[in-house]
Amino acid sequence: MRVVIAGGGTGGHLFPGIAVARELLARRPETLISFAGTAQGIEARVLPREGFALDLIRSGGIKGKSIVGRARGAALLPASAWEDPEFRPYVSSRYQVCYMFMEQGGSLGRLQVLGLLPARAEDLLLTADTTQSFPNGFRDSLPFWCSAVSTEEARELVGILEDAGAFMQYPANPSYSFSQVFIDFGPLLPHETPKA
């Protein structure tokens, strides 16, 4: 059986869909499940880490929009089908992991920040392709780093942080704080490189 679940945009629509997908897989493990959604919705951040395929479509809001907004949103769906008539699910194979030292007035280098994390997390991020950035481009701000890791490594990092007692900041887009280090996870599209 093949099932496509539509209902992204907000967690109130997405998480019940994930619960339905899990129940379907529990009852019929051979079921092929994917979700239809946009690259801008919460589904693009949550579904890859949950292991579900995401069929990217172009779509816009209709409910609560002006007549022009409704027409624009309705016109995007046929355009999406015209651009990509084949079923091509996208499951992120890489994640961007951004991290920074959170204490004001204290500036640490990348190796010092990584040294505050559990040893296995430090090892994973130490060998990853990494870029350095400054919030809003101000060099006097605290720097942060973004590393590209595989989905499996991202899941392993989340497990390491949770086992070490890291505090989850935002469940929808996994973010953690541990030993004054803030760590944020997000999926990378195939053409993207890690960036802030």
Foldseek 3Di string as FASTA:
>chain_A
DEEEAEFWQDPVRPVVVVVVVVVCCVVPVVYQYAYEDACPTLCQFAVLLVPHWYFHFDAFDQPPDDPVRNVVRVVRRVVRCVVPVDRDTDRFFKKKKKKFQQDPPDEDDPLVLLVQAPPVLSVQQVPFDKDKAAVVRDPVGHIMMIGMDTSVVVNVNVVRCVVVPWDFDDVSFTWTAGSRMIMTMGGDDPVDGHDD
